[in-house]
């Protein structure tokens, strides 16, 4: 519980709610704490800065988001009323290694659409080559892979929405849109 409380305190000291949410996602991604522990701690912590944003982020982290880009993707899906993806699904690649996929949708035609959300570190040559190898190792018949840059999600790219829908991501008109989930202040 100490790691969860420390993460929340660190988030509360961040200059914006976006950075606070990023701290919580990183803590879970690095296995310092769990989303459930963060959630339980937020209930007992009392008044802290950015707590509303951190609570909303933890709800998405419980569902599998582990980076700020993945939190942004879920917000993007809600805003555009498309089904949020399954996050951090474990798949075996062609060599039998466990791989975690950023976002995955089960499409109505029986296929699976995978979206890999790339941050700036993916531009590094070593990371880029590893990304290419990794993608080849888990692409199978009936599984399509799309890539997008974090910035496309953050800037609310209409092209990304068009591409996701064209590739079978289902619309969900019942989704409640939110205007401020870990967005910049």
N, C-alpha and C. Protein backbone atom coordinates (compact mmCIF):
# COMPACT_ATOMS: atom_id res chain seq x y z
N UNK A 1 0.82 -1.19 0.00
CA UNK A 1 0.00 0.00 0.00
C UNK A 1 0.87 1.26 0.00
N UNK A 2 2.10 1.15 0.49
CA UNK A 2 2.99 2.30 0.54
C UNK A 2 3.29 2.83 -0.86
N UNK A 3 3.53 1.91 -1.83
CA UNK A 3 3.80 2.33 -3.20
C UNK A 3 2.63 3.07 -3.81
N UNK A 4 1.42 2.61 -3.52
CA UNK A 4 0.23 3.27 -4.04
C UNK A 4 0.09 4.66 -3.45
N UNK A 5 0.27 4.79 -2.16
CA UNK A 5 0.15 6.10 -1.51
C UNK A 5 1.23 7.05 -2.02
N UNK A 6 2.44 6.55 -2.19
CA UNK A 6 3.53 7.39 -2.70
C UNK A 6 3.21 7.86 -4.12
N UNK A 7 2.65 7.00 -4.94
CA UNK A 7 2.30 7.37 -6.31
C UNK A 7 1.22 8.44 -6.33
N UNK A 8 0.24 8.31 -5.46
CA UNK A 8 -0.84 9.30 -5.39
C UNK A 8 -0.28 10.64 -4.91
N UNK A 9 0.57 10.60 -3.91
CA UNK A 9 1.19 11.83 -3.43
C UNK A 9 2.02 12.49 -4.54
N UNK A 10 2.78 11.68 -5.27
CA UNK A 10 3.57 12.21 -6.38
C UNK A 10 2.66 12.82 -7.45
N UNK A 11 1.56 12.13 -7.74
CA UNK A 11 0.60 12.66 -8.70
C UNK A 11 0.01 13.98 -8.25
N UNK A 12 -0.27 14.09 -6.96
CA UNK A 12 -0.86 15.31 -6.42
C UNK A 12 0.10 16.49 -6.52
N UNK A 13 1.38 16.23 -6.54
CA UNK A 13 2.38 17.30 -6.64
C UNK A 13 2.67 17.70 -8.08
N UNK A 14 2.11 17.01 -9.04
CA UNK A 14 2.38 17.33 -10.45
C UNK A 14 1.68 18.63 -10.84
N UNK A 15 2.24 19.36 -11.80
CA UNK A 15 1.66 20.65 -12.18
C UNK A 15 0.32 20.55 -12.89
N UNK A 16 0.03 19.41 -13.51
CA UNK A 16 -1.26 19.28 -14.21
C UNK A 16 -1.84 17.90 -13.95
N UNK A 17 -3.15 17.75 -14.13
CA UNK A 17 -3.77 16.44 -13.95
C UNK A 17 -3.24 15.41 -14.95
N UNK A 18 -2.84 15.88 -16.13
CA UNK A 18 -2.29 14.96 -17.15
C UNK A 18 -1.03 14.28 -16.63
N UNK A 19 -0.14 15.04 -15.99
CA UNK A 19 1.07 14.45 -15.43
C UNK A 19 0.74 13.53 -14.26
N UNK A 20 -0.26 13.90 -13.48
CA UNK A 20 -0.68 13.05 -12.36
C UNK A 20 -1.15 11.69 -12.87
N UNK A 21 -1.94 11.69 -13.93
CA UNK A 21 -2.42 10.44 -14.52
C UNK A 21 -1.27 9.62 -15.09
N UNK A 22 -0.31 10.31 -15.69
CA UNK A 22 0.86 9.65 -16.25
C UNK A 22 1.65 8.93 -15.16
N UNK A 23 1.78 9.55 -14.00
CA UNK A 23 2.49 8.93 -12.87
C UNK A 23 1.80 7.62 -12.48
N UNK A 24 0.49 7.64 -12.35
CA UNK A 24 -0.24 6.44 -11.93
C UNK A 24 -0.11 5.32 -12.96
N UNK A 25 -0.20 5.66 -14.24
CA UNK A 25 -0.04 4.65 -15.28
C UNK A 25 1.36 4.04 -15.24
N UNK A 26 2.37 4.88 -15.06
CA UNK A 26 3.75 4.40 -15.02
C UNK A 26 4.00 3.49 -13.83
N UNK A 27 3.41 3.81 -12.70
CA UNK A 27 3.59 3.00 -11.49
C UNK A 27 3.04 1.58 -11.70
N UNK A 28 1.92 1.48 -12.39
CA UNK A 28 1.34 0.16 -12.66
C UNK A 28 2.15 -0.54 -13.74
N UNK A 29 2.53 0.18 -14.79
CA UNK A 29 3.31 -0.43 -15.87
C UNK A 29 4.62 -1.00 -15.35
N UNK A 30 5.24 -0.31 -14.41
CA UNK A 30 6.52 -0.76 -13.87
C UNK A 30 6.37 -1.71 -12.68
N UNK A 31 5.13 -2.11 -12.41
CA UNK A 31 4.82 -3.09 -11.37
C UNK A 31 5.22 -2.63 -9.96
N UNK A 32 5.22 -1.31 -9.74
CA UNK A 32 5.50 -0.77 -8.41
C UNK A 32 4.26 -0.90 -7.54
N UNK A 33 3.09 -0.80 -8.17
CA UNK A 33 1.83 -0.98 -7.47
C UNK A 33 0.84 -1.57 -8.47
N UNK A 34 -0.38 -1.80 -8.01
CA UNK A 34 -1.41 -2.32 -8.91
C UNK A 34 -2.53 -1.29 -9.02
N UNK A 35 -3.30 -1.41 -10.07
CA UNK A 35 -4.42 -0.50 -10.27
C UNK A 35 -5.44 -0.65 -9.14
N UNK A 36 -5.67 -1.85 -8.70
CA UNK A 36 -6.65 -2.07 -7.63
C UNK A 36 -6.18 -1.44 -6.32
N UNK A 37 -4.89 -1.52 -6.05
CA UNK A 37 -4.35 -0.89 -4.85
C UNK A 37 -4.43 0.63 -4.95
N UNK A 38 -4.16 1.17 -6.12
CA UNK A 38 -4.30 2.62 -6.32
C UNK A 38 -5.75 3.04 -6.09
N UNK A 39 -6.67 2.26 -6.63
CA UNK A 39 -8.09 2.57 -6.48
C UNK A 39 -8.50 2.56 -5.02
N UNK A 40 -8.09 1.53 -4.29
CA UNK A 40 -8.44 1.42 -2.87
C UNK A 40 -7.81 2.56 -2.07
N UNK A 41 -6.60 2.93 -2.41
CA UNK A 41 -5.91 3.99 -1.69
C UNK A 41 -6.54 5.35 -1.97
N UNK A 42 -6.97 5.58 -3.20
CA UNK A 42 -7.62 6.85 -3.53
C UNK A 42 -8.90 7.07 -2.71
N UNK A 43 -9.56 5.97 -2.35
CA UNK A 43 -10.78 6.07 -1.55
C UNK A 43 -10.47 6.58 -0.14
N UNK A 44 -9.32 6.22 0.38
CA UNK A 44 -8.99 6.53 1.78
C UNK A 44 -8.06 7.72 1.94
N UNK A 45 -7.55 8.27 0.86
CA UNK A 45 -6.49 9.26 0.94
C UNK A 45 -6.96 10.64 1.40
N UNK A 46 -8.22 10.93 1.29
CA UNK A 46 -8.69 12.26 1.64
C UNK A 46 -8.55 13.21 0.48
N UNK A 47 -8.51 14.49 0.77
CA UNK A 47 -8.43 15.51 -0.29
C UNK A 47 -6.99 15.66 -0.78
N UNK A 48 -6.79 15.39 -2.04
CA UNK A 48 -5.50 15.64 -2.66
C UNK A 48 -5.74 16.29 -4.02
N UNK A 49 -4.78 17.04 -4.47
CA UNK A 49 -4.85 17.72 -5.75
C UNK A 49 -4.97 16.70 -6.88
N UNK A 50 -5.79 16.96 -7.86
CA UNK A 50 -6.01 16.13 -9.06
C UNK A 50 -6.71 14.81 -8.75
N UNK A 51 -7.30 14.67 -7.58
CA UNK A 51 -7.87 13.37 -7.20
C UNK A 51 -8.99 12.93 -8.15
N UNK A 52 -9.81 13.86 -8.63
CA UNK A 52 -10.89 13.48 -9.55
C UNK A 52 -10.31 12.89 -10.83
N UNK A 53 -9.29 13.52 -11.37
CA UNK A 53 -8.65 13.02 -12.60
C UNK A 53 -7.96 11.68 -12.33
N UNK A 54 -7.31 11.58 -11.18
CA UNK A 54 -6.61 10.33 -10.86
C UNK A 54 -7.61 9.18 -10.69
N UNK A 55 -8.76 9.44 -10.08
CA UNK A 55 -9.78 8.39 -9.93
C UNK A 55 -10.27 7.91 -11.30
N UNK A 56 -10.51 8.85 -12.21
CA UNK A 56 -10.96 8.48 -13.55
C UNK A 56 -9.88 7.68 -14.28
N UNK A 57 -8.63 8.11 -14.14
CA UNK A 57 -7.53 7.39 -14.79
C UNK A 57 -7.40 5.98 -14.23
N UNK A 58 -7.53 5.84 -12.94
CA UNK A 58 -7.39 4.51 -12.32
C UNK A 58 -8.48 3.56 -12.83
N UNK A 59 -9.68 4.08 -13.09
CA UNK A 59 -10.73 3.22 -13.67
C UNK A 59 -10.26 2.62 -15.00
N UNK A 60 -9.59 3.43 -15.81
CA UNK A 60 -9.08 2.93 -17.09
C UNK A 60 -7.84 2.07 -16.91
N UNK A 61 -7.04 2.35 -15.91
CA UNK A 61 -5.86 1.54 -15.64
C UNK A 61 -6.28 0.15 -15.17
N UNK A 62 -7.34 0.07 -14.38
CA UNK A 62 -7.89 -1.23 -13.96
C UNK A 62 -8.27 -2.05 -15.18
N UNK A 63 -8.75 -1.38 -16.24
CA UNK A 63 -9.15 -2.07 -17.47
C UNK A 63 -7.96 -2.41 -18.37
N UNK A 64 -6.74 -2.02 -17.99
CA UNK A 64 -5.57 -2.43 -18.74
C UNK A 64 -4.71 -1.32 -19.31
N UNK A 65 -5.12 -0.06 -19.24
CA UNK A 65 -4.28 1.01 -19.76
C UNK A 65 -3.04 1.13 -18.90
N UNK A 66 -1.87 1.22 -19.55
CA UNK A 66 -0.63 1.31 -18.79
C UNK A 66 0.26 2.47 -19.20
N UNK A 67 -0.20 3.27 -20.14
CA UNK A 67 0.57 4.44 -20.54
C UNK A 67 -0.39 5.60 -20.72
N UNK A 68 0.15 6.80 -20.75
CA UNK A 68 -0.68 7.97 -20.97
C UNK A 68 -1.33 7.91 -22.35
N UNK A 69 -0.62 7.39 -23.34
CA UNK A 69 -1.20 7.22 -24.67
C UNK A 69 -2.40 6.29 -24.68
N UNK A 70 -2.33 5.22 -23.89
CA UNK A 70 -3.45 4.30 -23.80
C UNK A 70 -4.63 4.92 -23.05
N UNK A 71 -4.35 5.73 -22.04
CA UNK A 71 -5.42 6.47 -21.35
C UNK A 71 -6.08 7.45 -22.34
N UNK A 72 -5.25 8.11 -23.13
CA UNK A 72 -5.78 9.04 -24.13
C UNK A 72 -6.64 8.30 -25.16
N UNK A 73 -6.23 7.10 -25.55
CA UNK A 73 -6.99 6.32 -26.54
C UNK A 73 -8.38 5.99 -26.02
N UNK A 74 -8.50 5.60 -24.78
CA UNK A 74 -9.81 5.26 -24.23
C UNK A 74 -10.70 6.51 -24.21
N UNK A 75 -10.13 7.64 -23.84
CA UNK A 75 -10.87 8.91 -23.84
C UNK A 75 -11.31 9.26 -25.26
N UNK A 76 -10.41 9.04 -26.24
CA UNK A 76 -10.71 9.29 -27.65
C UNK A 76 -11.89 8.43 -28.10
N UNK A 77 -11.88 7.16 -27.72
CA UNK A 77 -12.97 6.25 -28.10
C UNK A 77 -14.29 6.69 -27.50
N UNK A 78 -14.28 7.06 -26.24
CA UNK A 78 -15.51 7.52 -25.60
C UNK A 78 -16.04 8.79 -26.27
N UNK A 79 -15.13 9.71 -26.54
CA UNK A 79 -15.54 10.98 -27.14
C UNK A 79 -16.18 10.75 -28.51
N UNK A 80 -15.68 9.79 -29.27
CA UNK A 80 -16.19 9.53 -30.61
C UNK A 80 -17.19 8.38 -30.66
N UNK A 81 -17.56 7.92 -29.47
CA UNK A 81 -18.57 6.86 -29.33
C UNK A 81 -18.26 5.63 -30.17
N UNK A 82 -17.01 5.19 -30.04
CA UNK A 82 -16.64 3.88 -30.57
C UNK A 82 -16.25 3.01 -29.38
N UNK A 83 -16.37 1.74 -29.56
CA UNK A 83 -16.11 0.79 -28.48
C UNK A 83 -14.66 0.91 -27.99
N UNK A 84 -14.44 1.08 -26.69
CA UNK A 84 -13.06 1.09 -26.20
C UNK A 84 -12.42 -0.28 -26.42
N UNK A 85 -11.13 -0.31 -26.63
CA UNK A 85 -10.46 -1.59 -26.93
C UNK A 85 -10.21 -2.41 -25.67
N UNK A 86 -9.91 -3.67 -25.89
CA UNK A 86 -9.32 -4.49 -24.84
C UNK A 86 -7.87 -4.05 -24.78
N UNK A 87 -7.35 -3.86 -23.57
CA UNK A 87 -5.99 -3.34 -23.44
C UNK A 87 -5.08 -4.36 -22.79
N UNK A 88 -3.83 -4.33 -23.22
CA UNK A 88 -2.78 -5.18 -22.68
C UNK A 88 -3.16 -6.66 -22.71
N UNK A 89 -3.78 -7.08 -23.80
CA UNK A 89 -4.08 -8.50 -23.98
C UNK A 89 -2.79 -9.26 -24.19
N UNK A 90 -2.70 -10.41 -23.57
CA UNK A 90 -1.50 -11.23 -23.74
C UNK A 90 -1.71 -12.14 -24.95
N UNK A 91 -0.75 -12.13 -25.84
CA UNK A 91 -0.75 -13.00 -27.02
C UNK A 91 0.60 -13.68 -27.09
N UNK A 92 0.62 -14.85 -27.67
CA UNK A 92 1.89 -15.55 -27.95
C UNK A 92 2.30 -15.25 -29.37
N UNK A 93 3.57 -14.93 -29.54
CA UNK A 93 4.05 -14.68 -30.89
C UNK A 93 4.44 -16.00 -31.55
N UNK A 94 4.97 -15.93 -32.76
CA UNK A 94 5.30 -17.14 -33.52
C UNK A 94 6.39 -17.97 -32.85
N UNK A 95 7.12 -17.38 -31.93
CA UNK A 95 8.17 -18.11 -31.19
C UNK A 95 7.70 -18.55 -29.80
N UNK A 96 6.42 -18.28 -29.50
CA UNK A 96 5.87 -18.69 -28.22
C UNK A 96 6.08 -17.70 -27.08
N UNK A 97 6.69 -16.55 -27.37
CA UNK A 97 6.91 -15.54 -26.33
C UNK A 97 5.63 -14.77 -26.04
N UNK A 98 5.48 -14.38 -24.77
CA UNK A 98 4.32 -13.58 -24.37
C UNK A 98 4.52 -12.14 -24.84
N UNK A 99 3.48 -11.61 -25.47
CA UNK A 99 3.49 -10.22 -25.93
C UNK A 99 2.25 -9.53 -25.41
N UNK A 100 2.38 -8.28 -25.06
CA UNK A 100 1.27 -7.48 -24.58
C UNK A 100 0.92 -6.46 -25.67
N UNK A 101 -0.33 -6.46 -26.09
CA UNK A 101 -0.75 -5.56 -27.15
C UNK A 101 -1.46 -4.35 -26.55
N UNK A 102 -1.16 -3.16 -27.07
CA UNK A 102 -1.72 -1.93 -26.52
C UNK A 102 -3.24 -1.93 -26.56
N UNK A 103 -3.80 -2.21 -27.73
CA UNK A 103 -5.25 -2.13 -27.90
C UNK A 103 -5.69 -3.16 -28.93
N UNK A 104 -6.81 -3.80 -28.64
CA UNK A 104 -7.29 -4.85 -29.53
C UNK A 104 -8.82 -4.85 -29.51
N UNK A 105 -9.41 -4.95 -30.70
CA UNK A 105 -10.86 -5.04 -30.82
C UNK A 105 -11.23 -6.35 -31.49
N UNK A 106 -12.26 -7.00 -31.00
CA UNK A 106 -12.86 -8.15 -31.67
C UNK A 106 -13.93 -7.59 -32.60
N UNK A 107 -13.72 -7.74 -33.90
CA UNK A 107 -14.63 -7.15 -34.88
C UNK A 107 -15.77 -8.10 -35.21
N UNK A 108 -16.85 -7.55 -35.72
CA UNK A 108 -18.06 -8.34 -35.99
C UNK A 108 -17.85 -9.40 -37.06
N UNK A 109 -16.85 -9.24 -37.92
CA UNK A 109 -16.59 -10.24 -38.97
C UNK A 109 -15.71 -11.38 -38.46
N UNK A 110 -15.41 -11.39 -37.16
CA UNK A 110 -14.59 -12.45 -36.56
C UNK A 110 -13.11 -12.14 -36.54
N UNK A 111 -12.72 -11.07 -37.19
CA UNK A 111 -11.30 -10.70 -37.19
C UNK A 111 -10.96 -9.91 -35.94
N UNK A 112 -9.68 -9.68 -35.75
CA UNK A 112 -9.18 -8.90 -34.62
C UNK A 112 -8.38 -7.74 -35.18
N UNK A 113 -8.66 -6.55 -34.67
CA UNK A 113 -7.90 -5.37 -35.06
C UNK A 113 -7.03 -4.98 -33.88
N UNK A 114 -5.74 -4.85 -34.15
CA UNK A 114 -4.76 -4.45 -33.14
C UNK A 114 -4.30 -3.04 -33.46
N UNK A 115 -4.29 -2.18 -32.45
CA UNK A 115 -3.74 -0.84 -32.63
C UNK A 115 -2.57 -0.69 -31.68
N UNK A 116 -1.42 -0.40 -32.24
CA UNK A 116 -0.24 -0.12 -31.43
C UNK A 116 -0.07 1.39 -31.37
N UNK A 117 0.00 1.91 -30.17
CA UNK A 117 0.12 3.35 -29.95
C UNK A 117 1.60 3.66 -29.72
N UNK A 118 2.19 4.43 -30.63
CA UNK A 118 3.62 4.69 -30.59
C UNK A 118 3.93 6.08 -30.04
N UNK A 119 4.77 6.10 -29.03
CA UNK A 119 5.30 7.36 -28.49
C UNK A 119 6.60 7.69 -29.18
N UNK A 120 7.24 8.75 -28.74
CA UNK A 120 8.48 9.20 -29.37
C UNK A 120 9.60 8.17 -29.31
N UNK A 121 9.63 7.37 -28.25
CA UNK A 121 10.72 6.39 -28.13
C UNK A 121 10.67 5.34 -29.24
N UNK A 122 9.52 5.22 -29.91
CA UNK A 122 9.43 4.27 -31.03
C UNK A 122 10.18 4.75 -32.26
N UNK A 123 10.58 6.02 -32.28
CA UNK A 123 11.34 6.56 -33.41
C UNK A 123 12.82 6.19 -33.35
N UNK A 124 13.28 5.80 -32.18
CA UNK A 124 14.66 5.35 -32.03
C UNK A 124 14.86 4.11 -32.90
N UNK A 125 15.95 4.04 -33.64
CA UNK A 125 16.17 2.97 -34.62
C UNK A 125 16.07 1.58 -34.00
N UNK A 126 16.67 1.38 -32.83
CA UNK A 126 16.59 0.05 -32.19
C UNK A 126 15.16 -0.32 -31.84
N UNK A 127 14.43 0.62 -31.28
CA UNK A 127 13.03 0.35 -30.93
C UNK A 127 12.19 0.11 -32.16
N UNK A 128 12.44 0.88 -33.22
CA UNK A 128 11.68 0.75 -34.45
C UNK A 128 11.87 -0.63 -35.06
N UNK A 129 13.11 -1.09 -35.12
CA UNK A 129 13.38 -2.43 -35.67
C UNK A 129 12.72 -3.50 -34.80
N UNK A 130 12.81 -3.37 -33.50
CA UNK A 130 12.16 -4.34 -32.60
C UNK A 130 10.65 -4.32 -32.78
N UNK A 131 10.06 -3.14 -32.96
CA UNK A 131 8.62 -3.04 -33.20
C UNK A 131 8.23 -3.79 -34.48
N UNK A 132 9.03 -3.64 -35.52
CA UNK A 132 8.75 -4.32 -36.79
C UNK A 132 8.82 -5.84 -36.60
N UNK A 133 9.86 -6.31 -35.96
CA UNK A 133 10.00 -7.76 -35.71
C UNK A 133 8.85 -8.29 -34.86
N UNK A 134 8.52 -7.54 -33.83
CA UNK A 134 7.45 -7.94 -32.93
C UNK A 134 6.12 -8.03 -33.68
N UNK A 135 5.85 -7.05 -34.52
CA UNK A 135 4.61 -7.06 -35.28
C UNK A 135 4.53 -8.27 -36.21
N UNK A 136 5.62 -8.55 -36.90
CA UNK A 136 5.65 -9.73 -37.79
C UNK A 136 5.39 -11.02 -37.03
N UNK A 137 5.88 -11.08 -35.79
CA UNK A 137 5.79 -12.31 -35.01
C UNK A 137 4.39 -12.61 -34.51
N UNK A 138 3.50 -11.60 -34.43
CA UNK A 138 2.16 -11.94 -33.94
C UNK A 138 1.05 -11.67 -34.94
N UNK A 139 1.38 -11.22 -36.15
CA UNK A 139 0.36 -11.06 -37.18
C UNK A 139 -0.02 -12.45 -37.68
N UNK A 140 -1.29 -12.70 -37.72
CA UNK A 140 -1.83 -13.99 -38.18
C UNK A 140 -3.00 -13.71 -39.11
N UNK A 141 -3.45 -14.72 -39.85
CA UNK A 141 -4.66 -14.51 -40.65
C UNK A 141 -5.81 -14.10 -39.71
N UNK A 142 -6.57 -13.11 -40.13
CA UNK A 142 -7.68 -12.64 -39.31
C UNK A 142 -7.29 -11.62 -38.26
N UNK A 143 -6.02 -11.24 -38.21
CA UNK A 143 -5.56 -10.22 -37.26
C UNK A 143 -4.84 -9.13 -38.05
N UNK A 144 -5.39 -7.92 -37.99
CA UNK A 144 -4.80 -6.77 -38.66
C UNK A 144 -4.14 -5.87 -37.62
N UNK A 145 -3.05 -5.25 -38.02
CA UNK A 145 -2.35 -4.35 -37.12
C UNK A 145 -2.31 -2.96 -37.75
N UNK A 146 -2.75 -1.98 -36.97
CA UNK A 146 -2.61 -0.58 -37.34
C UNK A 146 -1.71 0.07 -36.30
N UNK A 147 -1.03 1.10 -36.71
CA UNK A 147 -0.19 1.85 -35.78
C UNK A 147 -0.66 3.30 -35.81
N UNK A 148 -0.51 3.96 -34.69
CA UNK A 148 -0.77 5.40 -34.65
C UNK A 148 0.23 6.03 -33.69
N UNK A 149 0.41 7.30 -33.86
CA UNK A 149 1.29 8.06 -32.96
C UNK A 149 0.45 8.62 -31.82
N UNK A 150 1.04 8.70 -30.64
CA UNK A 150 0.36 9.30 -29.50
C UNK A 150 -0.26 10.64 -29.87
N UNK A 151 0.47 11.43 -30.63
CA UNK A 151 0.03 12.77 -30.95
C UNK A 151 -1.27 12.76 -31.76
N UNK A 152 -1.50 11.75 -32.57
CA UNK A 152 -2.75 11.67 -33.33
C UNK A 152 -3.95 11.58 -32.39
N UNK A 153 -3.79 10.81 -31.34
CA UNK A 153 -4.87 10.68 -30.37
C UNK A 153 -5.04 11.98 -29.61
N UNK A 154 -3.93 12.53 -29.15
CA UNK A 154 -3.97 13.74 -28.35
C UNK A 154 -4.57 14.91 -29.12
N UNK A 155 -4.29 14.98 -30.43
CA UNK A 155 -4.80 16.08 -31.25
C UNK A 155 -6.16 15.76 -31.88
N UNK A 156 -6.74 14.62 -31.47
CA UNK A 156 -8.10 14.25 -31.89
C UNK A 156 -8.21 14.07 -33.40
N UNK A 157 -7.31 13.32 -33.97
CA UNK A 157 -7.23 13.12 -35.42
C UNK A 157 -8.50 12.48 -35.99
N UNK A 158 -9.17 13.17 -36.92
CA UNK A 158 -10.34 12.55 -37.57
C UNK A 158 -9.92 11.40 -38.49
N UNK A 159 -8.69 11.45 -39.02
CA UNK A 159 -8.21 10.36 -39.88
C UNK A 159 -8.11 9.06 -39.10
N UNK A 160 -7.66 9.13 -37.87
CA UNK A 160 -7.57 7.93 -37.04
C UNK A 160 -8.95 7.33 -36.83
N UNK A 161 -9.93 8.15 -36.53
CA UNK A 161 -11.30 7.66 -36.33
C UNK A 161 -11.81 6.99 -37.60
N UNK A 162 -11.61 7.63 -38.74
CA UNK A 162 -12.03 7.06 -40.02
C UNK A 162 -11.38 5.70 -40.25
N UNK A 163 -10.09 5.60 -39.98
CA UNK A 163 -9.36 4.34 -40.19
C UNK A 163 -9.84 3.25 -39.23
N UNK A 164 -10.08 3.60 -37.97
CA UNK A 164 -10.56 2.60 -37.01
C UNK A 164 -11.93 2.06 -37.42
N UNK A 165 -12.83 2.94 -37.79
CA UNK A 165 -14.17 2.51 -38.20
C UNK A 165 -14.09 1.69 -39.49
N UNK A 166 -13.28 2.13 -40.45
CA UNK A 166 -13.13 1.39 -41.72
C UNK A 166 -12.56 0.00 -41.50
N UNK A 167 -11.80 -0.19 -40.41
CA UNK A 167 -11.22 -1.49 -40.12
C UNK A 167 -12.04 -2.32 -39.15
N UNK A 168 -13.25 -1.88 -38.85
CA UNK A 168 -14.17 -2.72 -38.10
C UNK A 168 -14.39 -2.40 -36.64
N UNK A 169 -13.84 -1.31 -36.12
CA UNK A 169 -14.10 -0.96 -34.72
C UNK A 169 -15.57 -0.56 -34.61
N UNK A 170 -16.30 -1.23 -33.73
CA UNK A 170 -17.73 -0.95 -33.64
C UNK A 170 -18.04 0.38 -32.97
N UNK A 171 -19.07 1.02 -33.45
CA UNK A 171 -19.58 2.23 -32.82
C UNK A 171 -20.38 1.82 -31.59
N UNK A 172 -20.43 2.70 -30.62
CA UNK A 172 -21.21 2.46 -29.41
C UNK A 172 -21.89 3.77 -29.02
N UNK A 173 -23.09 4.02 -29.55
CA UNK A 173 -23.76 5.30 -29.30
C UNK A 173 -24.16 5.48 -27.83
N UNK A 174 -24.15 4.43 -27.03
CA UNK A 174 -24.54 4.54 -25.62
C UNK A 174 -23.42 5.09 -24.75
N UNK A 175 -22.20 5.15 -25.28
CA UNK A 175 -21.09 5.64 -24.47
C UNK A 175 -21.33 7.08 -24.05
N UNK A 176 -21.00 7.34 -22.83
CA UNK A 176 -21.08 8.70 -22.32
C UNK A 176 -19.76 9.38 -22.64
N UNK A 177 -19.84 10.50 -23.30
CA UNK A 177 -18.60 11.20 -23.63
C UNK A 177 -18.17 12.04 -22.44
N UNK A 178 -16.88 12.14 -22.29
CA UNK A 178 -16.31 13.00 -21.25
C UNK A 178 -15.42 14.01 -21.93
N UNK A 179 -15.41 15.19 -21.42
CA UNK A 179 -14.61 16.23 -22.05
C UNK A 179 -13.26 16.39 -21.43
N UNK A 180 -13.10 15.99 -20.16
CA UNK A 180 -11.81 16.22 -19.50
C UNK A 180 -11.39 15.00 -18.72
N UNK A 181 -10.66 14.14 -19.35
CA UNK A 181 -10.06 13.00 -18.68
C UNK A 181 -8.57 13.15 -18.84
N UNK A 182 -7.90 13.55 -17.84
CA UNK A 182 -6.45 13.69 -17.89
C UNK A 182 -6.01 14.55 -19.07
N UNK A 183 -6.82 15.50 -19.45
CA UNK A 183 -6.42 16.38 -20.53
C UNK A 183 -5.59 17.52 -19.97
N UNK A 184 -4.97 18.22 -20.85
CA UNK A 184 -4.14 19.35 -20.39
C UNK A 184 -5.04 20.39 -19.74
N UNK A 185 -4.48 21.08 -18.81
CA UNK A 185 -5.24 22.12 -18.13
C UNK A 185 -4.82 23.46 -18.67
